Amino acid sequence: MEISWNDKDPIYRQLHDRLVEMILEGIYGNGDSLPSVRQLSADHRINPITVSKAFQLLVDEGVVEKKRGLGMYVMTGAREKLAEDEKKLFLTEEWPRLLEKIARLGLSVGELLEEGEGK
């Protein structure tokens, strides 16, 4: 698991976000176990409490369950739930900011589509 750390977000949030991406990408599917707290903290040289905090966010969101003595497992339907949550977040927070920027820059739909096709 590769993570490019940044200075603007807490590390536990960045780890949480990367795990969410991996579930959305299908790297971790229904019933799959996540790496252990010990493994992630050693691999990324971060405090185990930081890893536990990221896992707790996933548990609170209802996408991961803790099986005592066994570890953390992706719950059935986690990918669909996360996709729905991410769509809502994008449409309510990110998209309005993008629309404002598009308007401010005077970009047309044609320019945006042309640029998107080049990717």
PDB file of N, CA and C in Angstrom:
ATOM      1  N   MET A   1       0.849  -1.168   0.000  1.00  0.00           N
ATOM      2  CA  MET A   1       0.000   0.000   0.000  1.00  0.00           C
ATOM      3  C   MET A   1       0.898   1.235   0.000  1.00  0.00           C
ATOM      4  N   GLU A   2       0.781   2.017  -1.058  1.00  0.00           N
ATOM      5  CA  GLU A   2       1.555   3.250  -1.175  1.00  0.00           C
ATOM      6  C   GLU A   2       0.702   4.429  -0.721  1.00  0.00           C
ATOM      7  N   ILE A   3       1.290   5.276   0.089  1.00  0.00           N
ATOM      8  CA  ILE A   3       0.608   6.492   0.529  1.00  0.00           C
ATOM      9  C   ILE A   3       1.583   7.636   0.399  1.00  0.00           C
ATOM     10  N   SER A   4       1.157   8.693  -0.291  1.00  0.00           N
ATOM     11  CA  SER A   4       1.955   9.907  -0.369  1.00  0.00           C
ATOM     12  C   SER A   4       1.422  10.862   0.692  1.00  0.00           C
ATOM     13  N   TRP A   5       2.146  10.960   1.793  1.00  0.00           N
ATOM     14  CA  TRP A   5       1.691  11.791   2.906  1.00  0.00           C
ATOM     15  C   TRP A   5       1.758  13.264   2.537  1.00  0.00           C
ATOM     16  N   ASN A   6       0.805  14.027   3.051  1.00  0.00           N
ATOM     17  CA  ASN A   6       0.844  15.483   2.873  1.00  0.00           C
ATOM     18  C   ASN A   6       0.827  16.146   4.240  1.00  0.00           C
ATOM     19  N   ASP A   7       1.107  17.414   4.267  1.00  0.00           N
ATOM     20  CA  ASP A   7       1.174  18.153   5.530  1.00  0.00           C
ATOM     21  C   ASP A   7      -0.132  18.816   5.926  1.00  0.00           C
ATOM     22  N   LYS A   8      -1.128  18.782   5.050  1.00  0.00           N
ATOM     23  CA  LYS A   8      -2.362  19.518   5.363  1.00  0.00           C
ATOM     24  C   LYS A   8      -3.395  18.694   6.126  1.00  0.00           C
ATOM     25  N   ASP A   9      -3.368  17.361   6.001  1.00  0.00           N
ATOM     26  CA  ASP A   9      -4.350  16.504   6.670  1.00  0.00           C
ATOM     27  C   ASP A   9      -3.666  15.635   7.719  1.00  0.00           C
ATOM     28  N   PRO A  10      -4.380  15.321   8.802  1.00  0.00           N
ATOM     29  CA  PRO A  10      -3.807  14.408   9.796  1.00  0.00           C
ATOM     30  C   PRO A  10      -3.505  13.046   9.164  1.00  0.00           C
ATOM     31  N   ILE A  11      -2.477  12.382   9.646  1.00  0.00           N
ATOM     32  CA  ILE A  11      -2.059  11.102   9.075  1.00  0.00           C
ATOM     33  C   ILE A  11      -3.158  10.053   9.185  1.00  0.00           C
ATOM     34  N   TYR A  12      -3.890  10.023  10.298  1.00  0.00           N
ATOM     35  CA  TYR A  12      -4.951   9.021  10.428  1.00  0.00           C
ATOM     36  C   TYR A  12      -6.011   9.219   9.356  1.00  0.00           C
ATOM     37  N   ARG A  13      -6.291  10.483   8.991  1.00  0.00           N
ATOM     38  CA  ARG A  13      -7.286  10.781   7.953  1.00  0.00           C
ATOM     39  C   ARG A  13      -6.760  10.351   6.586  1.00  0.00           C
ATOM     40  N   GLN A  14      -5.483  10.579   6.328  1.00  0.00           N
ATOM     41  CA  GLN A  14      -4.891  10.173   5.057  1.00  0.00           C
ATOM     42  C   GLN A  14      -4.889   8.653   4.916  1.00  0.00           C
ATOM     43  N   LEU A  15      -4.575   7.960   5.995  1.00  0.00           N
ATOM     44  CA  LEU A  15      -4.610   6.493   5.970  1.00  0.00           C
ATOM     45  C   LEU A  15      -6.035   5.999   5.751  1.00  0.00           C
ATOM     46  N   HIS A  16      -6.982   6.590   6.451  1.00  0.00           N
ATOM     47  CA  HIS A  16      -8.402   6.254   6.267  1.00  0.00           C
ATOM     48  C   HIS A  16      -8.797   6.440   4.803  1.00  0.00           C
ATOM     49  N   ASP A  17      -8.448   7.589   4.237  1.00  0.00           N
ATOM     50  CA  ASP A  17      -8.823   7.887   2.855  1.00  0.00           C
ATOM     51  C   ASP A  17      -8.204   6.899   1.876  1.00  0.00           C
ATOM     52  N   ARG A  18      -6.972   6.488   2.129  1.00  0.00           N
ATOM     53  CA  ARG A  18      -6.321   5.515   1.247  1.00  0.00           C
ATOM     54  C   ARG A  18      -7.000   4.151   1.347  1.00  0.00           C
ATOM     55  N   LEU A  19      -7.382   3.747   2.555  1.00  0.00           N
ATOM     56  CA  LEU A  19      -8.099   2.485   2.718  1.00  0.00           C
ATOM     57  C   LEU A  19      -9.461   2.537   2.022  1.00  0.00           C
ATOM     58  N   VAL A  20     -10.144   3.682   2.114  1.00  0.00           N
ATOM     59  CA  VAL A  20     -11.418   3.857   1.404  1.00  0.00           C
ATOM     60  C   VAL A  20     -11.195   3.703  -0.095  1.00  0.00           C
ATOM     61  N   GLU A  21     -10.151   4.349  -0.633  1.00  0.00           N
ATOM     62  CA  GLU A  21      -9.841   4.225  -2.062  1.00  0.00           C
ATOM     63  C   GLU A  21      -9.616   2.764  -2.445  1.00  0.00           C
ATOM     64  N   MET A  22      -8.905   2.045  -1.611  1.00  0.00           N
ATOM     65  CA  MET A  22      -8.599   0.648  -1.916  1.00  0.00           C
ATOM     66  C   MET A  22      -9.856  -0.219  -1.899  1.00  0.00           C
ATOM     67  N   ILE A  23     -10.790   0.080  -1.025  1.00  0.00           N
ATOM     68  CA  ILE A  23     -12.063  -0.648  -1.015  1.00  0.00           C
ATOM     69  C   ILE A  23     -12.857  -0.293  -2.264  1.00  0.00           C
ATOM     70  N   LEU A  24     -12.896   0.998  -2.610  1.00  0.00           N
ATOM     71  CA  LEU A  24     -13.623   1.425  -3.809  1.00  0.00           C
ATOM     72  C   LEU A  24     -13.015   0.833  -5.079  1.00  0.00           C
ATOM     73  N   GLU A  25     -11.701   0.680  -5.113  1.00  0.00           N
ATOM     74  CA  GLU A  25     -11.015   0.119  -6.282  1.00  0.00           C
ATOM     75  C   GLU A  25     -11.122  -1.404  -6.339  1.00  0.00           C
ATOM     76  N   GLY A  26     -11.662  -2.012  -5.280  1.00  0.00           N
ATOM     77  CA  GLY A  26     -11.811  -3.463  -5.258  1.00  0.00           C
ATOM     78  C   GLY A  26     -10.581  -4.213  -4.782  1.00  0.00           C
ATOM     79  N   ILE A  27      -9.588  -3.493  -4.297  1.00  0.00           N
ATOM     80  CA  ILE A  27      -8.390  -4.153  -3.775  1.00  0.00           C
ATOM     81  C   ILE A  27      -8.758  -4.957  -2.530  1.00  0.00           C
ATOM     82  N   TYR A  28      -9.626  -4.381  -1.703  1.00  0.00           N
ATOM     83  CA  TYR A  28     -10.209  -5.098  -0.570  1.00  0.00           C
ATOM     84  C   TYR A  28     -11.692  -5.252  -0.848  1.00  0.00           C
ATOM     85  N   GLY A  29     -12.161  -6.487  -0.872  1.00  0.00           N
ATOM     86  CA  GLY A  29     -13.567  -6.760  -1.153  1.00  0.00           C
ATOM     87  C   GLY A  29     -14.307  -7.236   0.080  1.00  0.00           C
ATOM     88  N   ASN A  30     -15.567  -7.554  -0.109  1.00  0.00           N
ATOM     89  CA  ASN A  30     -16.402  -8.050   0.985  1.00  0.00           C
ATOM     90  C   ASN A  30     -15.726  -9.219   1.692  1.00  0.00           C
ATOM     91  N   GLY A  31     -15.600  -9.107   3.008  1.00  0.00           N
ATOM     92  CA  GLY A  31     -15.043 -10.180   3.815  1.00  0.00           C
ATOM     93  C   GLY A  31     -13.530 -10.236   3.880  1.00  0.00           C
ATOM     94  N   ASP A  32     -12.847  -9.408   3.098  1.00  0.00           N
ATOM     95  CA  ASP A  32     -11.379  -9.411   3.124  1.00  0.00           C
ATOM     96  C   ASP A  32     -10.863  -8.794   4.424  1.00  0.00           C
ATOM     97  N   SER A  33      -9.744  -9.318   4.882  1.00  0.00           N
ATOM     98  CA  SER A  33      -9.127  -8.740   6.075  1.00  0.00           C
ATOM     99  C   SER A  33      -8.199  -7.601   5.665  1.00  0.00           C
ATOM    100  N   LEU A  34      -8.159  -6.585   6.506  1.00  0.00           N
ATOM    101  CA  LEU A  34      -7.244  -5.469   6.293  1.00  0.00           C
ATOM    102  C   LEU A  34      -5.918  -5.807   6.977  1.00  0.00           C
ATOM    103  N   PRO A  35      -4.842  -5.151   6.562  1.00  0.00           N
ATOM    104  CA  PRO A  35      -3.573  -5.380   7.264  1.00  0.00           C
ATOM    105  C   PRO A  35      -3.731  -5.035   8.747  1.00  0.00           C
ATOM    106  N   SER A  36      -2.932  -5.652   9.582  1.00  0.00           N
ATOM    107  CA  SER A  36      -3.031  -5.406  11.022  1.00  0.00           C
ATOM    108  C   SER A  36      -2.496  -4.024  11.383  1.00  0.00           C
ATOM    109  N   VAL A  37      -2.902  -3.562  12.552  1.00  0.00           N
ATOM    110  CA  VAL A  37      -2.403  -2.288  13.075  1.00  0.00           C
ATOM    111  C   VAL A  37      -0.885  -2.340  13.142  1.00  0.00           C
ATOM    112  N   ARG A  38      -0.369  -3.440  13.669  1.00  0.00           N
ATOM    113  CA  ARG A  38       1.087  -3.587  13.808  1.00  0.00           C
ATOM    114  C   ARG A  38       1.786  -3.532  12.455  1.00  0.00           C
ATOM    115  N   GLN A  39       1.216  -4.221  11.464  1.00  0.00           N
ATOM    116  CA  GLN A  39       1.833  -4.253  10.135  1.00  0.00           C
ATOM    117  C   GLN A  39       1.834  -2.864   9.502  1.00  0.00           C
ATOM    118  N   LEU A  40       0.691  -2.176   9.531  1.00  0.00           N
ATOM    119  CA  LEU A  40       0.612  -0.845   8.925  1.00  0.00           C
ATOM    120  C   LEU A  40       1.521   0.149   9.639  1.00  0.00           C
ATOM    121  N   SER A  41       1.551   0.084  10.957  1.00  0.00           N
ATOM    122  CA  SER A  41       2.393   1.037  11.679  1.00  0.00           C
ATOM    123  C   SER A  41       3.872   0.789  11.377  1.00  0.00           C
ATOM    124  N   ALA A  42       4.269  -0.459  11.250  1.00  0.00           N
ATOM    125  CA  ALA A  42       5.665  -0.778  10.920  1.00  0.00           C
ATOM    126  C   ALA A  42       5.993  -0.408   9.474  1.00  0.00           C
ATOM    127  N   ASP A  43       5.100  -0.764   8.548  1.00  0.00           N
ATOM    128  CA  ASP A  43       5.337  -0.492   7.122  1.00  0.00           C
ATOM    129  C   ASP A  43       5.465   0.995   6.822  1.00  0.00           C
ATOM    130  N   HIS A  44       4.666   1.811   7.524  1.00  0.00           N
ATOM    131  CA  HIS A  44       4.629   3.246   7.222  1.00  0.00           C
ATOM    132  C   HIS A  44       5.287   4.110   8.286  1.00  0.00           C
ATOM    133  N   ARG A  45       5.856   3.438   9.289  1.00  0.00           N
ATOM    134  CA  ARG A  45       6.547   4.142  10.370  1.00  0.00           C
ATOM    135  C   ARG A  45       5.654   5.183  11.033  1.00  0.00           C
ATOM    136  N   ILE A  46       4.459   4.727  11.390  1.00  0.00           N
ATOM    137  CA  ILE A  46       3.529   5.600  12.104  1.00  0.00           C
ATOM    138  C   ILE A  46       3.088   4.920  13.390  1.00  0.00           C
ATOM    139  N   ASN A  47       2.627   5.717  14.299  1.00  0.00           N
ATOM    140  CA  ASN A  47       2.209   5.239  15.610  1.00  0.00           C
ATOM    141  C   ASN A  47       1.006   4.292  15.473  1.00  0.00           C
ATOM    142  N   PRO A  48       1.003   3.173  16.186  1.00  0.00           N
ATOM    143  CA  PRO A  48      -0.139   2.254  16.141  1.00  0.00           C
ATOM    144  C   PRO A  48      -1.464   2.917  16.532  1.00  0.00           C
ATOM    145  N   ILE A  49      -1.406   3.899  17.406  1.00  0.00           N
ATOM    146  CA  ILE A  49      -2.630   4.616  17.795  1.00  0.00           C
ATOM    147  C   ILE A  49      -3.205   5.369  16.599  1.00  0.00           C
ATOM    148  N   THR A  50      -2.332   5.877  15.748  1.00  0.00           N
ATOM    149  CA  THR A  50      -2.768   6.572  14.528  1.00  0.00           C
ATOM    150  C   THR A  50      -3.495   5.605  13.605  1.00  0.00           C
ATOM    151  N   VAL A  51      -2.946   4.406  13.443  1.00  0.00           N
ATOM    152  CA  VAL A  51      -3.575   3.384  12.602  1.00  0.00           C
ATOM    153  C   VAL A  51      -4.921   2.984  13.203  1.00  0.00           C
ATOM    154  N   SER A  52      -4.959   2.792  14.507  1.00  0.00           N
ATOM    155  CA  SER A  52      -6.205   2.416  15.183  1.00  0.00           C
ATOM    156  C   SER A  52      -7.276   3.478  14.995  1.00  0.00           C
ATOM    157  N   LYS A  53      -6.870   4.731  15.008  1.00  0.00           N
ATOM    158  CA  LYS A  53      -7.822   5.834  14.814  1.00  0.00           C
ATOM    159  C   LYS A  53      -8.415   5.791  13.402  1.00  0.00           C
ATOM    160  N   ALA A  54      -7.588   5.489  12.408  1.00  0.00           N
ATOM    161  CA  ALA A  54      -8.074   5.369  11.025  1.00  0.00           C
ATOM    162  C   ALA A  54      -9.052   4.205  10.915  1.00  0.00           C
ATOM    163  N   PHE A  55      -8.713   3.068  11.537  1.00  0.00           N
ATOM    164  CA  PHE A  55      -9.606   1.914  11.519  1.00  0.00           C
ATOM    165  C   PHE A  55     -10.922   2.223  12.221  1.00  0.00           C
ATOM    166  N   GLN A  56     -10.859   2.956  13.321  1.00  0.00           N
ATOM    167  CA  GLN A  56     -12.074   3.280  14.065  1.00  0.00           C
ATOM    168  C   GLN A  56     -13.028   4.124  13.224  1.00  0.00           C
ATOM    169  N   LEU A  57     -12.484   5.019  12.407  1.00  0.00           N
ATOM    170  CA  LEU A  57     -13.338   5.795  11.492  1.00  0.00           C
ATOM    171  C   LEU A  57     -14.084   4.866  10.543  1.00  0.00           C
ATOM    172  N   LEU A  58     -13.389   3.873  10.025  1.00  0.00           N
ATOM    173  CA  LEU A  58     -14.017   2.919   9.109  1.00  0.00           C
ATOM    174  C   LEU A  58     -15.099   2.101   9.820  1.00  0.00           C
ATOM    175  N   VAL A  59     -14.843   1.734  11.069  1.00  0.00           N
ATOM    176  CA  VAL A  59     -15.840   1.010  11.862  1.00  0.00           C
ATOM    177  C   VAL A  59     -17.056   1.908  12.094  1.00  0.00           C
ATOM    178  N   ASP A  60     -16.811   3.158  12.468  1.00  0.00           N
ATOM    179  CA  ASP A  60     -17.899   4.113  12.720  1.00  0.00           C
ATOM    180  C   ASP A  60     -18.748   4.349  11.475  1.00  0.00           C
ATOM    181  N   GLU A  61     -18.126   4.266  10.307  1.00  0.00           N
ATOM    182  CA  GLU A  61     -18.841   4.452   9.041  1.00  0.00           C
ATOM    183  C   GLU A  61     -19.607   3.197   8.631  1.00  0.00           C
ATOM    184  N   GLY A  62     -19.379   2.101   9.327  1.00  0.00           N
ATOM    185  CA  GLY A  62     -20.092   0.869   9.039  1.00  0.00           C
ATOM    186  C   GLY A  62     -19.579   0.112   7.826  1.00  0.00           C
ATOM    187  N   VAL A  63     -18.292   0.284   7.499  1.00  0.00           N
ATOM    188  CA  VAL A  63     -17.742  -0.413   6.339  1.00  0.00           C
ATOM    189  C   VAL A  63     -16.718  -1.484   6.718  1.00  0.00           C
ATOM    190  N   VAL A  64     -16.263  -1.444   7.961  1.00  0.00           N
ATOM    191  CA  VAL A  64     -15.296  -2.418   8.460  1.00  0.00           C
ATOM    192  C   VAL A  64     -15.781  -2.894   9.819  1.00  0.00           C
ATOM    193  N   GLU A  65     -15.566  -4.179  10.093  1.00  0.00           N
ATOM    194  CA  GLU A  65     -15.920  -4.697  11.412  1.00  0.00           C
ATOM    195  C   GLU A  65     -14.696  -5.311  12.057  1.00  0.00           C
ATOM    196  N   LYS A  66     -14.638  -5.171  13.371  1.00  0.00           N
ATOM    197  CA  LYS A  66     -13.535  -5.749  14.125  1.00  0.00           C
ATOM    198  C   LYS A  66     -13.969  -7.106  14.656  1.00  0.00           C
ATOM    199  N   LYS A  67     -13.189  -8.116  14.310  1.00  0.00           N
ATOM    200  CA  LYS A  67     -13.445  -9.451  14.834  1.00  0.00           C
ATOM    201  C   LYS A  67     -12.391  -9.714  15.895  1.00  0.00           C
ATOM    202  N   ARG A  68     -12.858  -9.759  17.113  1.00  0.00           N
ATOM    203  CA  ARG A  68     -11.953  -9.874  18.258  1.00  0.00           C
ATOM    204  C   ARG A  68     -10.958 -11.025  18.075  1.00  0.00           C
ATOM    205  N   GLY A  69      -9.692 -10.664  18.191  1.00  0.00           N
ATOM    206  CA  GLY A  69      -8.629 -11.646  18.070  1.00  0.00           C
ATOM    207  C   GLY A  69      -8.247 -12.001  16.650  1.00  0.00           C
ATOM    208  N   LEU A  70      -9.018 -11.524  15.686  1.00  0.00           N
ATOM    209  CA  LEU A  70      -8.757 -11.853  14.279  1.00  0.00           C
ATOM    210  C   LEU A  70      -8.339 -10.653  13.442  1.00  0.00           C
ATOM    211  N   GLY A  71      -8.850  -9.482  13.770  1.00  0.00           N
ATOM    212  CA  GLY A  71      -8.496  -8.283  13.011  1.00  0.00           C
ATOM    213  C   GLY A  71      -9.702  -7.569  12.439  1.00  0.00           C
ATOM    214  N   MET A  72      -9.443  -6.750  11.438  1.00  0.00           N
ATOM    215  CA  MET A  72     -10.467  -5.926  10.795  1.00  0.00           C
ATOM    216  C   MET A  72     -10.834  -6.515   9.440  1.00  0.00           C
ATOM    217  N   TYR A  73     -12.151  -6.543   9.180  1.00  0.00           N
ATOM    218  CA  TYR A  73     -12.659  -7.136   7.942  1.00  0.00           C
ATOM    219  C   TYR A  73     -13.631  -6.187   7.256  1.00  0.00           C
ATOM    220  N   VAL A  74     -13.560  -6.164   5.922  1.00  0.00           N
ATOM    221  CA  VAL A  74     -14.462  -5.342   5.128  1.00  0.00           C
ATOM    222  C   VAL A  74     -15.854  -5.964   5.178  1.00  0.00           C
ATOM    223  N   MET A  75     -16.844  -5.162   5.509  1.00  0.00           N
ATOM    224  CA  MET A  75     -18.217  -5.651   5.619  1.00  0.00           C
ATOM    225  C   MET A  75     -18.859  -5.783   4.241  1.00  0.00           C
ATOM    226  N   THR A  76     -19.824  -6.674   4.132  1.00  0.00           N
ATOM    227  CA  THR A  76     -20.574  -6.837   2.896  1.00  0.00           C
ATOM    228  C   THR A  76     -21.283  -5.533   2.564  1.00  0.00           C
ATOM    229  N   GLY A  77     -21.160  -5.103   1.322  1.00  0.00           N
ATOM    230  CA  GLY A  77     -21.795  -3.869   0.874  1.00  0.00           C
ATOM    231  C   GLY A  77     -20.988  -2.609   1.148  1.00  0.00           C
ATOM    232  N   ALA A  78     -19.758  -2.772   1.665  1.00  0.00           N
ATOM    233  CA  ALA A  78     -18.926  -1.611   2.007  1.00  0.00           C
ATOM    234  C   ALA A  78     -18.619  -0.757   0.779  1.00  0.00           C
ATOM    235  N   ARG A  79     -18.293  -1.407  -0.324  1.00  0.00           N
ATOM    236  CA  ARG A  79     -17.933  -0.666  -1.535  1.00  0.00           C
ATOM    237  C   ARG A  79     -19.099   0.201  -2.007  1.00  0.00           C
ATOM    238  N   GLU A  80     -20.293  -0.362  -2.019  1.00  0.00           N
ATOM    239  CA  GLU A  80     -21.473   0.371  -2.469  1.00  0.00           C
ATOM    240  C   GLU A  80     -21.776   1.538  -1.526  1.00  0.00           C
ATOM    241  N   LYS A  81     -21.657   1.293  -0.227  1.00  0.00           N
ATOM    242  CA  LYS A  81     -21.909   2.344   0.752  1.00  0.00           C
ATOM    243  C   LYS A  81     -20.905   3.477   0.601  1.00  0.00           C
ATOM    244  N   LEU A  82     -19.643   3.122   0.473  1.00  0.00           N
ATOM    245  CA  LEU A  82     -18.608   4.136   0.306  1.00  0.00           C
ATOM    246  C   LEU A  82     -18.789   4.921  -0.993  1.00  0.00           C
ATOM    247  N   ALA A  83     -19.159   4.226  -2.067  1.00  0.00           N
ATOM    248  CA  ALA A  83     -19.379   4.903  -3.349  1.00  0.00           C
ATOM    249  C   ALA A  83     -20.508   5.917  -3.219  1.00  0.00           C
ATOM    250  N   GLU A  84     -21.571   5.540  -2.557  1.00  0.00           N
ATOM    251  CA  GLU A  84     -22.706   6.456  -2.357  1.00  0.00           C
ATOM    252  C   GLU A  84     -22.283   7.652  -1.507  1.00  0.00           C
ATOM    253  N   ASP A  85     -21.559   7.393  -0.441  1.00  0.00           N
ATOM    254  CA  ASP A  85     -21.072   8.482   0.423  1.00  0.00           C
ATOM    255  C   ASP A  85     -20.142   9.421  -0.341  1.00  0.00           C
ATOM    256  N   GLU A  86     -19.243   8.842  -1.145  1.00  0.00           N
ATOM    257  CA  GLU A  86     -18.304   9.651  -1.927  1.00  0.00           C
ATOM    258  C   GLU A  86     -19.032  10.488  -2.971  1.00  0.00           C
ATOM    259  N   LYS A  87     -20.069   9.925  -3.605  1.00  0.00           N
ATOM    260  CA  LYS A  87     -20.863  10.686  -4.581  1.00  0.00           C
ATOM    261  C   LYS A  87     -21.522  11.888  -3.916  1.00  0.00           C
ATOM    262  N   LYS A  88     -22.144  11.648  -2.744  1.00  0.00           N
ATOM    263  CA  LYS A  88     -22.796  12.742  -2.022  1.00  0.00           C
ATOM    264  C   LYS A  88     -21.796  13.828  -1.657  1.00  0.00           C
ATOM    265  N   LEU A  89     -20.652  13.430  -1.155  1.00  0.00           N
ATOM    266  CA  LEU A  89     -19.608  14.381  -0.781  1.00  0.00           C
ATOM    267  C   LEU A  89     -19.150  15.188  -1.992  1.00  0.00           C
ATOM    268  N   PHE A  90     -18.931  14.508  -3.106  1.00  0.00           N
ATOM    269  CA  PHE A  90     -18.493  15.193  -4.320  1.00  0.00           C
ATOM    270  C   PHE A  90     -19.539  16.205  -4.784  1.00  0.00           C
ATOM    271  N   LEU A  91     -20.793  15.782  -4.840  1.00  0.00           N
ATOM    272  CA  LEU A  91     -21.849  16.655  -5.354  1.00  0.00           C
ATOM    273  C   LEU A  91     -22.164  17.830  -4.436  1.00  0.00           C
ATOM    274  N   THR A  92     -22.002  17.657  -3.134  1.00  0.00           N
ATOM    275  CA  THR A  92     -22.346  18.739  -2.212  1.00  0.00           C
ATOM    276  C   THR A  92     -21.176  19.655  -1.875  1.00  0.00           C
ATOM    277  N   GLU A  93     -19.941  19.135  -1.945  1.00  0.00           N
ATOM    278  CA  GLU A  93     -18.794  19.951  -1.540  1.00  0.00           C
ATOM    279  C   GLU A  93     -17.821  20.259  -2.667  1.00  0.00           C
ATOM    280  N   GLU A  94     -17.397  19.248  -3.398  1.00  0.00           N
ATOM    281  CA  GLU A  94     -16.369  19.449  -4.407  1.00  0.00           C
ATOM    282  C   GLU A  94     -16.916  20.056  -5.702  1.00  0.00           C
ATOM    283  N   TRP A  95     -18.028  19.540  -6.178  1.00  0.00           N
ATOM    284  CA  TRP A  95     -18.585  19.995  -7.452  1.00  0.00           C
ATOM    285  C   TRP A  95     -18.934  21.487  -7.433  1.00  0.00           C
ATOM    286  N   PRO A  96     -19.590  22.007  -6.392  1.00  0.00           N
ATOM    287  CA  PRO A  96     -19.863  23.449  -6.386  1.00  0.00           C
ATOM    288  C   PRO A  96     -18.580  24.293  -6.470  1.00  0.00           C
ATOM    289  N   ARG A  97     -17.508  23.863  -5.806  1.00  0.00           N
ATOM    290  CA  ARG A  97     -16.233  24.603  -5.888  1.00  0.00           C
ATOM    291  C   ARG A  97     -15.660  24.527  -7.302  1.00  0.00           C
ATOM    292  N   LEU A  98     -15.777  23.355  -7.935  1.00  0.00           N
ATOM    293  CA  LEU A  98     -15.295  23.209  -9.304  1.00  0.00           C
ATOM    294  C   LEU A  98     -16.091  24.085 -10.270  1.00  0.00           C
ATOM    295  N   LEU A  99     -17.412  24.109 -10.083  1.00  0.00           N
ATOM    296  CA  LEU A  99     -18.239  24.956 -10.943  1.00  0.00           C
ATOM    297  C   LEU A  99     -17.850  26.425 -10.824  1.00  0.00           C
ATOM    298  N   GLU A 100     -17.596  26.872  -9.611  1.00  0.00           N
ATOM    299  CA  GLU A 100     -17.167  28.260  -9.396  1.00  0.00           C
ATOM    300  C   GLU A 100     -15.850  28.532 -10.109  1.00  0.00           C
ATOM    301  N   LYS A 101     -14.918  27.601 -10.006  1.00  0.00           N
ATOM    302  CA  LYS A 101     -13.618  27.783 -10.647  1.00  0.00           C
ATOM    303  C   LYS A 101     -13.746  27.771 -12.170  1.00  0.00           C
ATOM    304  N   ILE A 102     -14.571  26.875 -12.688  1.00  0.00           N
ATOM    305  CA  ILE A 102     -14.804  26.803 -14.137  1.00  0.00           C
ATOM    306  C   ILE A 102     -15.365  28.135 -14.629  1.00  0.00           C
ATOM    307  N   ALA A 103     -16.336  28.664 -13.901  1.00  0.00           N
ATOM    308  CA  ALA A 103     -16.930  29.954 -14.277  1.00  0.00           C
ATOM    309  C   ALA A 103     -15.898  31.075 -14.186  1.00  0.00           C
ATOM    310  N   ARG A 104     -15.109  31.076 -13.123  1.00  0.00           N
ATOM    311  CA  ARG A 104     -14.099  32.112 -12.916  1.00  0.00           C
ATOM    312  C   ARG A 104     -13.060  32.102 -14.033  1.00  0.00           C
ATOM    313  N   LEU A 105     -12.720  30.920 -14.521  1.00  0.00           N
ATOM    314  CA  LEU A 105     -11.735  30.789 -15.592  1.00  0.00           C
ATOM    315  C   LEU A 105     -12.342  30.950 -16.981  1.00  0.00           C
ATOM    316  N   GLY A 106     -13.671  30.978 -17.051  1.00  0.00           N
ATOM    317  CA  GLY A 106     -14.348  31.141 -18.334  1.00  0.00           C
ATOM    318  C   GLY A 106     -14.212  29.938 -19.246  1.00  0.00           C
ATOM    319  N   LEU A 107     -14.128  28.754 -18.656  1.00  0.00           N
ATOM    320  CA  LEU A 107     -14.005  27.542 -19.456  1.00  0.00           C
ATOM    321  C   LEU A 107     -15.365  27.131 -20.007  1.00  0.00           C
ATOM    322  N   SER A 108     -15.356  26.592 -21.211  1.00  0.00           N
ATOM    323  CA  SER A 108     -16.594  26.109 -21.817  1.00  0.00           C
ATOM    324  C   SER A 108     -16.687  24.594 -21.643  1.00  0.00           C
ATOM    325  N   VAL A 109     -17.888  24.080 -21.833  1.00  0.00           N
ATOM    326  CA  VAL A 109     -18.099  22.635 -21.752  1.00  0.00           C
ATOM    327  C   VAL A 109     -17.243  21.935 -22.806  1.00  0.00           C
ATOM    328  N   GLY A 110     -17.174  22.515 -23.989  1.00  0.00           N
ATOM    329  CA  GLY A 110     -16.376  21.941 -25.072  1.00  0.00           C
ATOM    330  C   GLY A 110     -14.906  21.824 -24.701  1.00  0.00           C
ATOM    331  N   GLU A 111     -14.368  22.874 -24.085  1.00  0.00           N
ATOM    332  CA  GLU A 111     -12.963  22.834 -23.664  1.00  0.00           C
ATOM    333  C   GLU A 111     -12.728  21.747 -22.623  1.00  0.00           C
ATOM    334  N   LEU A 112     -13.648  21.634 -21.689  1.00  0.00           N
ATOM    335  CA  LEU A 112     -13.508  20.624 -20.641  1.00  0.00           C
ATOM    336  C   LEU A 112     -13.573  19.216 -21.223  1.00  0.00           C
ATOM    337  N   LEU A 113     -14.547  18.989 -22.124  1.00  0.00           N
ATOM    338  CA  LEU A 113     -14.671  17.662 -22.730  1.00  0.00           C
ATOM    339  C   LEU A 113     -13.468  17.328 -23.591  1.00  0.00           C
ATOM    340  N   GLU A 114     -12.976  18.316 -24.334  1.00  0.00           N
ATOM    341  CA  GLU A 114     -11.812  18.099 -25.185  1.00  0.00           C
ATOM    342  C   GLU A 114     -10.595  17.728 -24.340  1.00  0.00           C
ATOM    343  N   GLU A 115     -10.425  18.429 -23.247  1.00  0.00           N
ATOM    344  CA  GLU A 115      -9.293  18.152 -22.340  1.00  0.00           C
ATOM    345  C   GLU A 115      -9.450  16.771 -21.708  1.00  0.00           C
ATOM    346  N   GLY A 116     -10.670  16.417 -21.332  1.00  0.00           N
ATOM    347  CA  GLY A 116     -10.930  15.123 -20.714  1.00  0.00           C
ATOM    348  C   GLY A 116     -10.689  13.961 -21.658  1.00  0.00           C
ATOM    349  N   GLU A 117     -10.969  14.157 -22.936  1.00  0.00           N
ATOM    350  CA  GLU A 117     -10.755  13.101 -23.925  1.00  0.00           C
ATOM    351  C   GLU A 117      -9.289  12.847 -24.162  1.00  0.00           C
ATOM    352  N   GLY A 118      -8.461  13.847 -23.903  1.00  0.00           N
ATOM    353  CA  GLY A 118      -7.017  13.691 -24.105  1.00  0.00           C
ATOM    354  C   GLY A 118      -6.351  12.875 -23.018  1.00  0.00           C
ATOM    355  N   LYS A 119      -7.059  12.561 -21.943  1.00  0.00           N
ATOM    356  CA  LYS A 119      -6.458  11.829 -20.810  1.00  0.00           C
ATOM    357  C   LYS A 119      -6.578  10.349 -20.985  1.00  0.00           C
TER     358      LYS A 119
END
